[in-house]
Amino acid sequence: NGVVTAEFVGCGMPKKNKLKSTVDW
């Protein structure tokens, strides 16, 4: 209930560190 960010603000984690599982757990 205050200022908002116009978009997602990342922490600096590289895109290659974004992983996914082979199947939904």
mmCIF file of all heavy atoms, coordinates in Angstrom:
data_MODEL
# 
_entry.id   MODEL 
# 
loop_
_atom_site.group_PDB 
_atom_site.id 
_atom_site.type_symbol 
_atom_site.label_atom_id 
_atom_site.label_alt_id 
_atom_site.label_comp_id 
_atom_site.label_asym_id 
_atom_site.label_entity_id 
_atom_site.label_seq_id 
_atom_site.pdbx_PDB_ins_code 
_atom_site.Cartn_x 
_atom_site.Cartn_y 
_atom_site.Cartn_z 
_atom_site.occupancy 
_atom_site.B_iso_or_equiv 
_atom_site.pdbx_formal_charge 
_atom_site.auth_seq_id 
_atom_site.auth_comp_id 
_atom_site.auth_asym_id 
_atom_site.auth_atom_id 
_atom_site.pdbx_PDB_model_num 
ATOM 1   N N   . ASN A 1 1  ? 0.844  -1.189  0.000   1.00 0.00 ? 1  ASN A N   1 
ATOM 2   C CA  . ASN A 1 1  ? 0.000  0.000   0.000   1.00 0.00 ? 1  ASN A CA  1 
ATOM 3   C C   . ASN A 1 1  ? 0.885  1.246   0.000   1.00 0.00 ? 1  ASN A C   1 
ATOM 4   O O   . ASN A 1 1  ? 0.839  2.077   0.895   1.00 0.00 ? 1  ASN A O   1 
ATOM 5   C CB  . ASN A 1 1  ? -0.929 -0.007  1.219   1.00 0.00 ? 1  ASN A CB  1 
ATOM 6   C CG  . ASN A 1 1  ? -1.952 1.104   1.173   1.00 0.00 ? 1  ASN A CG  1 
ATOM 7   O OD1 . ASN A 1 1  ? -2.255 1.635   0.107   1.00 0.00 ? 1  ASN A OD1 1 
ATOM 8   N ND2 . ASN A 1 1  ? -2.464 1.475   2.331   1.00 0.00 ? 1  ASN A ND2 1 
ATOM 9   N N   . GLY A 1 2  ? 1.720  1.357   -1.026  1.00 0.00 ? 2  GLY A N   1 
ATOM 10  C CA  . GLY A 1 2  ? 2.653  2.475   -1.143  1.00 0.00 ? 2  GLY A CA  1 
ATOM 11  C C   . GLY A 1 2  ? 3.174  2.534   -2.561  1.00 0.00 ? 2  GLY A C   1 
ATOM 12  O O   . GLY A 1 2  ? 2.426  2.328   -3.515  1.00 0.00 ? 2  GLY A O   1 
ATOM 13  N N   . VAL A 1 3  ? 4.474  2.780   -2.728  1.00 0.00 ? 3  VAL A N   1 
ATOM 14  C CA  . VAL A 1 3  ? 5.041  2.808   -4.072  1.00 0.00 ? 3  VAL A CA  1 
ATOM 15  C C   . VAL A 1 3  ? 5.040  1.398   -4.650  1.00 0.00 ? 3  VAL A C   1 
ATOM 16  O O   . VAL A 1 3  ? 5.032  0.410   -3.928  1.00 0.00 ? 3  VAL A O   1 
ATOM 17  C CB  . VAL A 1 3  ? 6.480  3.377   -4.072  1.00 0.00 ? 3  VAL A CB  1 
ATOM 18  C CG1 . VAL A 1 3  ? 6.487  4.811   -3.614  1.00 0.00 ? 3  VAL A CG1 1 
ATOM 19  C CG2 . VAL A 1 3  ? 7.411  2.529   -3.224  1.00 0.00 ? 3  VAL A CG2 1 
ATOM 20  N N   . VAL A 1 4  ? 5.019  1.315   -5.965  1.00 0.00 ? 4  VAL A N   1 
ATOM 21  C CA  . VAL A 1 4  ? 5.045  0.021   -6.637  1.00 0.00 ? 4  VAL A CA  1 
ATOM 22  C C   . VAL A 1 4  ? 6.159  0.019   -7.674  1.00 0.00 ? 4  VAL A C   1 
ATOM 23  O O   . VAL A 1 4  ? 6.616  1.072   -8.122  1.00 0.00 ? 4  VAL A O   1 
ATOM 24  C CB  . VAL A 1 4  ? 3.694  -0.303  -7.324  1.00 0.00 ? 4  VAL A CB  1 
ATOM 25  C CG1 . VAL A 1 4  ? 2.566  -0.290  -6.322  1.00 0.00 ? 4  VAL A CG1 1 
ATOM 26  C CG2 . VAL A 1 4  ? 3.408  0.665   -8.467  1.00 0.00 ? 4  VAL A CG2 1 
ATOM 27  N N   . THR A 1 5  ? 6.609  -1.171  -8.030  1.00 0.00 ? 5  THR A N   1 
ATOM 28  C CA  . THR A 1 5  ? 7.586  -1.299  -9.105  1.00 0.00 ? 5  THR A CA  1 
ATOM 29  C C   . THR A 1 5  ? 6.839  -1.588  -10.395 1.00 0.00 ? 5  THR A C   1 
ATOM 30  O O   . THR A 1 5  ? 5.936  -2.423  -10.428 1.00 0.00 ? 5  THR A O   1 
ATOM 31  C CB  . THR A 1 5  ? 8.591  -2.430  -8.815  1.00 0.00 ? 5  THR A CB  1 
ATOM 32  O OG1 . THR A 1 5  ? 7.862  -3.624  -8.535  1.00 0.00 ? 5  THR A OG1 1 
ATOM 33  C CG2 . THR A 1 5  ? 9.458  -2.093  -7.617  1.00 0.00 ? 5  THR A CG2 1 
ATOM 34  N N   . ALA A 1 6  ? 7.231  -0.923  -11.447 1.00 0.00 ? 6  ALA A N   1 
ATOM 35  C CA  . ALA A 1 6  ? 6.555  -1.113  -12.724 1.00 0.00 ? 6  ALA A CA  1 
ATOM 36  C C   . ALA A 1 6  ? 6.799  -2.508  -13.278 1.00 0.00 ? 6  ALA A C   1 
ATOM 37  O O   . ALA A 1 6  ? 6.037  -2.996  -14.107 1.00 0.00 ? 6  ALA A O   1 
ATOM 38  C CB  . ALA A 1 6  ? 7.027  -0.052  -13.720 1.00 0.00 ? 6  ALA A CB  1 
ATOM 39  N N   . GLU A 1 7  ? 7.869  -3.151  -12.836 1.00 0.00 ? 7  GLU A N   1 
ATOM 40  C CA  . GLU A 1 7  ? 8.196  -4.487  -13.318 1.00 0.00 ? 7  GLU A CA  1 
ATOM 41  C C   . GLU A 1 7  ? 8.957  -5.249  -12.243 1.00 0.00 ? 7  GLU A C   1 
ATOM 42  O O   . GLU A 1 7  ? 9.261  -4.720  -11.171 1.00 0.00 ? 7  GLU A O   1 
ATOM 43  C CB  . GLU A 1 7  ? 9.031  -4.388  -14.591 1.00 0.00 ? 7  GLU A CB  1 
ATOM 44  C CG  . GLU A 1 7  ? 10.322 -3.619  -14.410 1.00 0.00 ? 7  GLU A CG  1 
ATOM 45  C CD  . GLU A 1 7  ? 11.011 -3.308  -15.730 1.00 0.00 ? 7  GLU A CD  1 
ATOM 46  O OE1 . GLU A 1 7  ? 10.316 -2.909  -16.686 1.00 0.00 ? 7  GLU A OE1 1 
ATOM 47  O OE2 . GLU A 1 7  ? 12.241 -3.470  -15.778 1.00 0.00 ? 7  GLU A OE2 1 
ATOM 48  N N   . PHE A 1 8  ? 9.270  -6.497  -12.536 1.00 0.00 ? 8  PHE A N   1 
ATOM 49  C CA  . PHE A 1 8  ? 10.002 -7.355  -11.623 1.00 0.00 ? 8  PHE A CA  1 
ATOM 50  C C   . PHE A 1 8  ? 11.416 -6.806  -11.413 1.00 0.00 ? 8  PHE A C   1 
ATOM 51  O O   . PHE A 1 8  ? 12.077 -6.390  -12.360 1.00 0.00 ? 8  PHE A O   1 
ATOM 52  C CB  . PHE A 1 8  ? 10.071 -8.764  -12.220 1.00 0.00 ? 8  PHE A CB  1 
ATOM 53  C CG  . PHE A 1 8  ? 10.673 -9.807  -11.325 1.00 0.00 ? 8  PHE A CG  1 
ATOM 54  C CD1 . PHE A 1 8  ? 9.914  -10.432 -10.357 1.00 0.00 ? 8  PHE A CD1 1 
ATOM 55  C CD2 . PHE A 1 8  ? 11.999 -10.174 -11.459 1.00 0.00 ? 8  PHE A CD2 1 
ATOM 56  C CE1 . PHE A 1 8  ? 10.456 -11.411 -9.541  1.00 0.00 ? 8  PHE A CE1 1 
ATOM 57  C CE2 . PHE A 1 8  ? 12.561 -11.149 -10.651 1.00 0.00 ? 8  PHE A CE2 1 
ATOM 58  C CZ  . PHE A 1 8  ? 11.786 -11.769 -9.687  1.00 0.00 ? 8  PHE A CZ  1 
ATOM 59  N N   . VAL A 1 9  ? 11.876 -6.788  -10.166 1.00 0.00 ? 9  VAL A N   1 
ATOM 60  C CA  . VAL A 1 9  ? 13.216 -6.300  -9.834  1.00 0.00 ? 9  VAL A CA  1 
ATOM 61  C C   . VAL A 1 9  ? 14.057 -7.499  -9.394  1.00 0.00 ? 9  VAL A C   1 
ATOM 62  O O   . VAL A 1 9  ? 13.815 -8.079  -8.338  1.00 0.00 ? 9  VAL A O   1 
ATOM 63  C CB  . VAL A 1 9  ? 13.176 -5.238  -8.712  1.00 0.00 ? 9  VAL A CB  1 
ATOM 64  C CG1 . VAL A 1 9  ? 14.590 -4.741  -8.409  1.00 0.00 ? 9  VAL A CG1 1 
ATOM 65  C CG2 . VAL A 1 9  ? 12.287 -4.071  -9.124  1.00 0.00 ? 9  VAL A CG2 1 
ATOM 66  N N   . GLY A 1 10 ? 15.022 -7.897  -10.212 1.00 0.00 ? 10 GLY A N   1 
ATOM 67  C CA  . GLY A 1 10 ? 15.835 -9.073  -9.935  1.00 0.00 ? 10 GLY A CA  1 
ATOM 68  C C   . GLY A 1 10 ? 16.937 -8.805  -8.935  1.00 0.00 ? 10 GLY A C   1 
ATOM 69  O O   . GLY A 1 10 ? 17.346 -7.666  -8.707  1.00 0.00 ? 10 GLY A O   1 
ATOM 70  N N   . CYS A 1 11 ? 17.449 -9.893  -8.329  1.00 0.00 ? 11 CYS A N   1 
ATOM 71  C CA  . CYS A 1 11 ? 18.520 -9.786  -7.333  1.00 0.00 ? 11 CYS A CA  1 
ATOM 72  C C   . CYS A 1 11 ? 19.901 -9.879  -7.955  1.00 0.00 ? 11 CYS A C   1 
ATOM 73  O O   . CYS A 1 11 ? 20.909 -9.754  -7.266  1.00 0.00 ? 11 CYS A O   1 
ATOM 74  C CB  . CYS A 1 11 ? 18.364 -10.880 -6.282  1.00 0.00 ? 11 CYS A CB  1 
ATOM 75  S SG  . CYS A 1 11 ? 18.735 -12.546 -6.905  1.00 0.00 ? 11 CYS A SG  1 
ATOM 76  N N   . GLY A 1 12 ? 19.963 -10.116 -9.273  1.00 0.00 ? 12 GLY A N   1 
ATOM 77  C CA  . GLY A 1 12 ? 21.247 -10.258 -9.952  1.00 0.00 ? 12 GLY A CA  1 
ATOM 78  C C   . GLY A 1 12 ? 21.600 -11.694 -10.295 1.00 0.00 ? 12 GLY A C   1 
ATOM 79  O O   . GLY A 1 12 ? 22.671 -11.960 -10.850 1.00 0.00 ? 12 GLY A O   1 
ATOM 80  N N   . MET A 1 13 ? 20.722 -12.643 -9.983  1.00 0.00 ? 13 MET A N   1 
ATOM 81  C CA  . MET A 1 13 ? 20.994 -14.047 -10.295 1.00 0.00 ? 13 MET A CA  1 
ATOM 82  C C   . MET A 1 13 ? 20.982 -14.270 -11.797 1.00 0.00 ? 13 MET A C   1 
ATOM 83  O O   . MET A 1 13 ? 20.032 -13.897 -12.482 1.00 0.00 ? 13 MET A O   1 
ATOM 84  C CB  . MET A 1 13 ? 19.943 -14.942 -9.627  1.00 0.00 ? 13 MET A CB  1 
ATOM 85  C CG  . MET A 1 13 ? 20.228 -16.427 -9.742  1.00 0.00 ? 13 MET A CG  1 
ATOM 86  S SD  . MET A 1 13 ? 18.919 -17.465 -9.019  1.00 0.00 ? 13 MET A SD  1 
ATOM 87  C CE  . MET A 1 13 ? 17.685 -17.410 -10.335 1.00 0.00 ? 13 MET A CE  1 
ATOM 88  N N   . PRO A 1 14 ? 22.041 -14.889 -12.362 1.00 0.00 ? 14 PRO A N   1 
ATOM 89  C CA  . PRO A 1 14 ? 22.102 -15.108 -13.811 1.00 0.00 ? 14 PRO A CA  1 
ATOM 90  C C   . PRO A 1 14 ? 20.955 -15.974 -14.327 1.00 0.00 ? 14 PRO A C   1 
ATOM 91  O O   . PRO A 1 14 ? 20.444 -16.842 -13.607 1.00 0.00 ? 14 PRO A O   1 
ATOM 92  C CB  . PRO A 1 14 ? 23.448 -15.828 -14.003 1.00 0.00 ? 14 PRO A CB  1 
ATOM 93  C CG  . PRO A 1 14 ? 24.233 -15.535 -12.772 1.00 0.00 ? 14 PRO A CG  1 
ATOM 94  C CD  . PRO A 1 14 ? 23.240 -15.379 -11.663 1.00 0.00 ? 14 PRO A CD  1 
ATOM 95  N N   . LYS A 1 15 ? 20.583 -15.755 -15.568 1.00 0.00 ? 15 LYS A N   1 
ATOM 96  C CA  . LYS A 1 15 ? 19.486 -16.511 -16.164 1.00 0.00 ? 15 LYS A CA  1 
ATOM 97  C C   . LYS A 1 15 ? 19.789 -18.002 -16.200 1.00 0.00 ? 15 LYS A C   1 
ATOM 98  O O   . LYS A 1 15 ? 18.880 -18.826 -16.057 1.00 0.00 ? 15 LYS A O   1 
ATOM 99  C CB  . LYS A 1 15 ? 19.208 -15.997 -17.576 1.00 0.00 ? 15 LYS A CB  1 
ATOM 100 C CG  . LYS A 1 15 ? 18.615 -14.598 -17.614 1.00 0.00 ? 15 LYS A CG  1 
ATOM 101 C CD  . LYS A 1 15 ? 18.346 -14.148 -19.042 1.00 0.00 ? 15 LYS A CD  1 
ATOM 102 C CE  . LYS A 1 15 ? 17.761 -12.734 -19.062 1.00 0.00 ? 15 LYS A CE  1 
ATOM 103 N NZ  . LYS A 1 15 ? 17.536 -12.263 -20.445 1.00 0.00 ? 15 LYS A NZ  1 
ATOM 104 N N   . LYS A 1 16 ? 21.057 -18.357 -16.380 1.00 0.00 ? 16 LYS A N   1 
ATOM 105 C CA  . LYS A 1 16 ? 21.402 -19.775 -16.450 1.00 0.00 ? 16 LYS A CA  1 
ATOM 106 C C   . LYS A 1 16 ? 21.211 -20.488 -15.108 1.00 0.00 ? 16 LYS A C   1 
ATOM 107 O O   . LYS A 1 16 ? 21.225 -21.723 -15.050 1.00 0.00 ? 16 LYS A O   1 
ATOM 108 C CB  . LYS A 1 16 ? 22.836 -19.952 -16.945 1.00 0.00 ? 16 LYS A CB  1 
ATOM 109 C CG  . LYS A 1 16 ? 23.901 -19.324 -16.064 1.00 0.00 ? 16 LYS A CG  1 
ATOM 110 C CD  . LYS A 1 16 ? 25.280 -19.501 -16.695 1.00 0.00 ? 16 LYS A CD  1 
ATOM 111 C CE  . LYS A 1 16 ? 26.366 -18.831 -15.861 1.00 0.00 ? 16 LYS A CE  1 
ATOM 112 N NZ  . LYS A 1 16 ? 26.478 -19.383 -14.519 1.00 0.00 ? 16 LYS A NZ  1 
ATOM 113 N N   . ASN A 1 17 ? 21.043 -19.729 -14.034 1.00 0.00 ? 17 ASN A N   1 
ATOM 114 C CA  . ASN A 1 17 ? 20.794 -20.320 -12.718 1.00 0.00 ? 17 ASN A CA  1 
ATOM 115 C C   . ASN A 1 17 ? 19.313 -20.577 -12.469 1.00 0.00 ? 17 ASN A C   1 
ATOM 116 O O   . ASN A 1 17 ? 18.937 -21.049 -11.398 1.00 0.00 ? 17 ASN A O   1 
ATOM 117 C CB  . ASN A 1 17 ? 21.350 -19.426 -11.610 1.00 0.00 ? 17 ASN A CB  1 
ATOM 118 C CG  . ASN A 1 17 ? 22.874 -19.360 -11.617 1.00 0.00 ? 17 ASN A CG  1 
ATOM 119 O OD1 . ASN A 1 17 ? 23.510 -19.755 -12.585 1.00 0.00 ? 17 ASN A OD1 1 
ATOM 120 N ND2 . ASN A 1 17 ? 23.456 -18.861 -10.548 1.00 0.00 ? 17 ASN A ND2 1 
ATOM 121 N N   . LYS A 1 18 ? 18.488 -20.248 -13.455 1.00 0.00 ? 18 LYS A N   1 
ATOM 122 C CA  . LYS A 1 18 ? 17.052 -20.508 -13.358 1.00 0.00 ? 18 LYS A CA  1 
ATOM 123 C C   . LYS A 1 18 ? 16.788 -21.904 -13.920 1.00 0.00 ? 18 LYS A C   1 
ATOM 124 O O   . LYS A 1 18 ? 16.870 -22.115 -15.126 1.00 0.00 ? 18 LYS A O   1 
ATOM 125 C CB  . LYS A 1 18 ? 16.267 -19.440 -14.126 1.00 0.00 ? 18 LYS A CB  1 
ATOM 126 C CG  . LYS A 1 18 ? 16.440 -18.042 -13.558 1.00 0.00 ? 18 LYS A CG  1 
ATOM 127 C CD  . LYS A 1 18 ? 16.092 -16.945 -14.555 1.00 0.00 ? 18 LYS A CD  1 
ATOM 128 C CE  . LYS A 1 18 ? 14.640 -16.922 -14.914 1.00 0.00 ? 18 LYS A CE  1 
ATOM 129 N NZ  . LYS A 1 18 ? 14.299 -15.745 -15.765 1.00 0.00 ? 18 LYS A NZ  1 
ATOM 130 N N   . LEU A 1 19 ? 16.485 -22.840 -13.040 1.00 0.00 ? 19 LEU A N   1 
ATOM 131 C CA  . LEU A 1 19 ? 16.333 -24.237 -13.425 1.00 0.00 ? 19 LEU A CA  1 
ATOM 132 C C   . LEU A 1 19 ? 14.868 -24.657 -13.381 1.00 0.00 ? 19 LEU A C   1 
ATOM 133 O O   . LEU A 1 19 ? 14.021 -23.948 -12.846 1.00 0.00 ? 19 LEU A O   1 
ATOM 134 C CB  . LEU A 1 19 ? 17.151 -25.125 -12.478 1.00 0.00 ? 19 LEU A CB  1 
ATOM 135 C CG  . LEU A 1 19 ? 18.603 -24.690 -12.211 1.00 0.00 ? 19 LEU A CG  1 
ATOM 136 C CD1 . LEU A 1 19 ? 19.228 -25.585 -11.147 1.00 0.00 ? 19 LEU A CD1 1 
ATOM 137 C CD2 . LEU A 1 19 ? 19.422 -24.719 -13.492 1.00 0.00 ? 19 LEU A CD2 1 
ATOM 138 N N   . LYS A 1 20 ? 14.590 -25.838 -13.936 1.00 0.00 ? 20 LYS A N   1 
ATOM 139 C CA  . LYS A 1 20 ? 13.247 -26.409 -13.836 1.00 0.00 ? 20 LYS A CA  1 
ATOM 140 C C   . LYS A 1 20 ? 13.347 -27.922 -13.699 1.00 0.00 ? 20 LYS A C   1 
ATOM 141 O O   . LYS A 1 20 ? 14.294 -28.550 -14.175 1.00 0.00 ? 20 LYS A O   1 
ATOM 142 C CB  . LYS A 1 20 ? 12.377 -26.022 -15.031 1.00 0.00 ? 20 LYS A CB  1 
ATOM 143 C CG  . LYS A 1 20 ? 12.803 -26.654 -16.343 1.00 0.00 ? 20 LYS A CG  1 
ATOM 144 C CD  . LYS A 1 20 ? 11.729 -26.449 -17.406 1.00 0.00 ? 20 LYS A CD  1 
ATOM 145 C CE  . LYS A 1 20 ? 12.101 -27.228 -18.677 1.00 0.00 ? 20 LYS A CE  1 
ATOM 146 N NZ  . LYS A 1 20 ? 10.982 -27.286 -19.628 1.00 0.00 ? 20 LYS A NZ  1 
ATOM 147 N N   . SER A 1 21 ? 12.368 -28.499 -13.032 1.00 0.00 ? 21 SER A N   1 
ATOM 148 C CA  . SER A 1 21 ? 12.337 -29.945 -12.849 1.00 0.00 ? 21 SER A CA  1 
ATOM 149 C C   . SER A 1 21 ? 11.901 -30.633 -14.135 1.00 0.00 ? 21 SER A C   1 
ATOM 150 O O   . SER A 1 21 ? 11.301 -30.009 -15.022 1.00 0.00 ? 21 SER A O   1 
ATOM 151 C CB  . SER A 1 21 ? 11.380 -30.305 -11.710 1.00 0.00 ? 21 SER A CB  1 
ATOM 152 O OG  . SER A 1 21 ? 10.066 -29.872 -12.018 1.00 0.00 ? 21 SER A OG  1 
ATOM 153 N N   . THR A 1 22 ? 12.195 -31.910 -14.233 1.00 0.00 ? 22 THR A N   1 
ATOM 154 C CA  . THR A 1 22 ? 11.793 -32.659 -15.423 1.00 0.00 ? 22 THR A CA  1 
ATOM 155 C C   . THR A 1 22 ? 10.290 -32.880 -15.469 1.00 0.00 ? 22 THR A C   1 
ATOM 156 O O   . THR A 1 22 ? 9.675  -32.869 -16.538 1.00 0.00 ? 22 THR A O   1 
ATOM 157 C CB  . THR A 1 22 ? 12.514 -34.017 -15.461 1.00 0.00 ? 22 THR A CB  1 
ATOM 158 O OG1 . THR A 1 22 ? 12.308 -34.686 -14.208 1.00 0.00 ? 22 THR A OG1 1 
ATOM 159 C CG2 . THR A 1 22 ? 14.014 -33.827 -15.678 1.00 0.00 ? 22 THR A CG2 1 
ATOM 160 N N   . VAL A 1 23 ? 9.696  -33.079 -14.286 1.00 0.00 ? 23 VAL A N   1 
ATOM 161 C CA  . VAL A 1 23 ? 8.255  -33.315 -14.168 1.00 0.00 ? 23 VAL A CA  1 
ATOM 162 C C   . VAL A 1 23 ? 7.742  -32.529 -12.964 1.00 0.00 ? 23 VAL A C   1 
ATOM 163 O O   . VAL A 1 23 ? 8.489  -32.269 -12.017 1.00 0.00 ? 23 VAL A O   1 
ATOM 164 C CB  . VAL A 1 23 ? 7.959  -34.832 -13.967 1.00 0.00 ? 23 VAL A CB  1 
ATOM 165 C CG1 . VAL A 1 23 ? 6.474  -35.073 -13.776 1.00 0.00 ? 23 VAL A CG1 1 
ATOM 166 C CG2 . VAL A 1 23 ? 8.493  -35.644 -15.140 1.00 0.00 ? 23 VAL A CG2 1 
ATOM 167 N N   . ASP A 1 24 ? 6.488  -32.127 -13.002 1.00 0.00 ? 24 ASP A N   1 
ATOM 168 C CA  . ASP A 1 24 ? 5.857  -31.455 -11.864 1.00 0.00 ? 24 ASP A CA  1 
ATOM 169 C C   . ASP A 1 24 ? 5.962  -32.349 -10.632 1.00 0.00 ? 24 ASP A C   1 
ATOM 170 O O   . ASP A 1 24 ? 5.567  -33.520 -10.657 1.00 0.00 ? 24 ASP A O   1 
ATOM 171 C CB  . ASP A 1 24 ? 4.386  -31.184 -12.194 1.00 0.00 ? 24 ASP A CB  1 
ATOM 172 C CG  . ASP A 1 24 ? 3.686  -30.326 -11.148 1.00 0.00 ? 24 ASP A CG  1 
ATOM 173 O OD1 . ASP A 1 24 ? 4.121  -30.332 -9.972  1.00 0.00 ? 24 ASP A OD1 1 
ATOM 174 O OD2 . ASP A 1 24 ? 2.704  -29.657 -11.500 1.00 0.00 ? 24 ASP A OD2 1 
ATOM 175 N N   . TRP A 1 25 ? 6.503  -31.798 -9.535  1.00 0.00 ? 25 TRP A N   1 
ATOM 176 C CA  . TRP A 1 25 ? 6.658  -32.589 -8.314  1.00 0.00 ? 25 TRP A CA  1 
ATOM 177 C C   . TRP A 1 25 ? 5.323  -33.069 -7.761  1.00 0.00 ? 25 TRP A C   1 
ATOM 178 O O   . TRP A 1 25 ? 5.284  -33.988 -6.953  1.00 0.00 ? 25 TRP A O   1 
ATOM 179 C CB  . TRP A 1 25 ? 7.400  -31.766 -7.254  1.00 0.00 ? 25 TRP A CB  1 
ATOM 180 C CG  . TRP A 1 25 ? 8.892  -31.771 -7.430  1.00 0.00 ? 25 TRP A CG  1 
ATOM 181 C CD1 . TRP A 1 25 ? 9.581  -32.077 -8.566  1.00 0.00 ? 25 TRP A CD1 1 
ATOM 182 C CD2 . TRP A 1 25 ? 9.867  -31.476 -6.429  1.00 0.00 ? 25 TRP A CD2 1 
ATOM 183 N NE1 . TRP A 1 25 ? 10.939 -31.982 -8.349  1.00 0.00 ? 25 TRP A NE1 1 
ATOM 184 C CE2 . TRP A 1 25 ? 11.140 -31.605 -7.042  1.00 0.00 ? 25 TRP A CE2 1 
ATOM 185 C CE3 . TRP A 1 25 ? 9.796  -31.088 -5.101  1.00 0.00 ? 25 TRP A CE3 1 
ATOM 186 C CZ2 . TRP A 1 25 ? 12.326 -31.383 -6.343  1.00 0.00 ? 25 TRP A CZ2 1 
ATOM 187 C CZ3 . TRP A 1 25 ? 10.975 -30.856 -4.399  1.00 0.00 ? 25 TRP A CZ3 1 
ATOM 188 C CH2 . TRP A 1 25 ? 12.232 -31.002 -5.014  1.00 0.00 ? 25 TRP A CH2 1 
# 
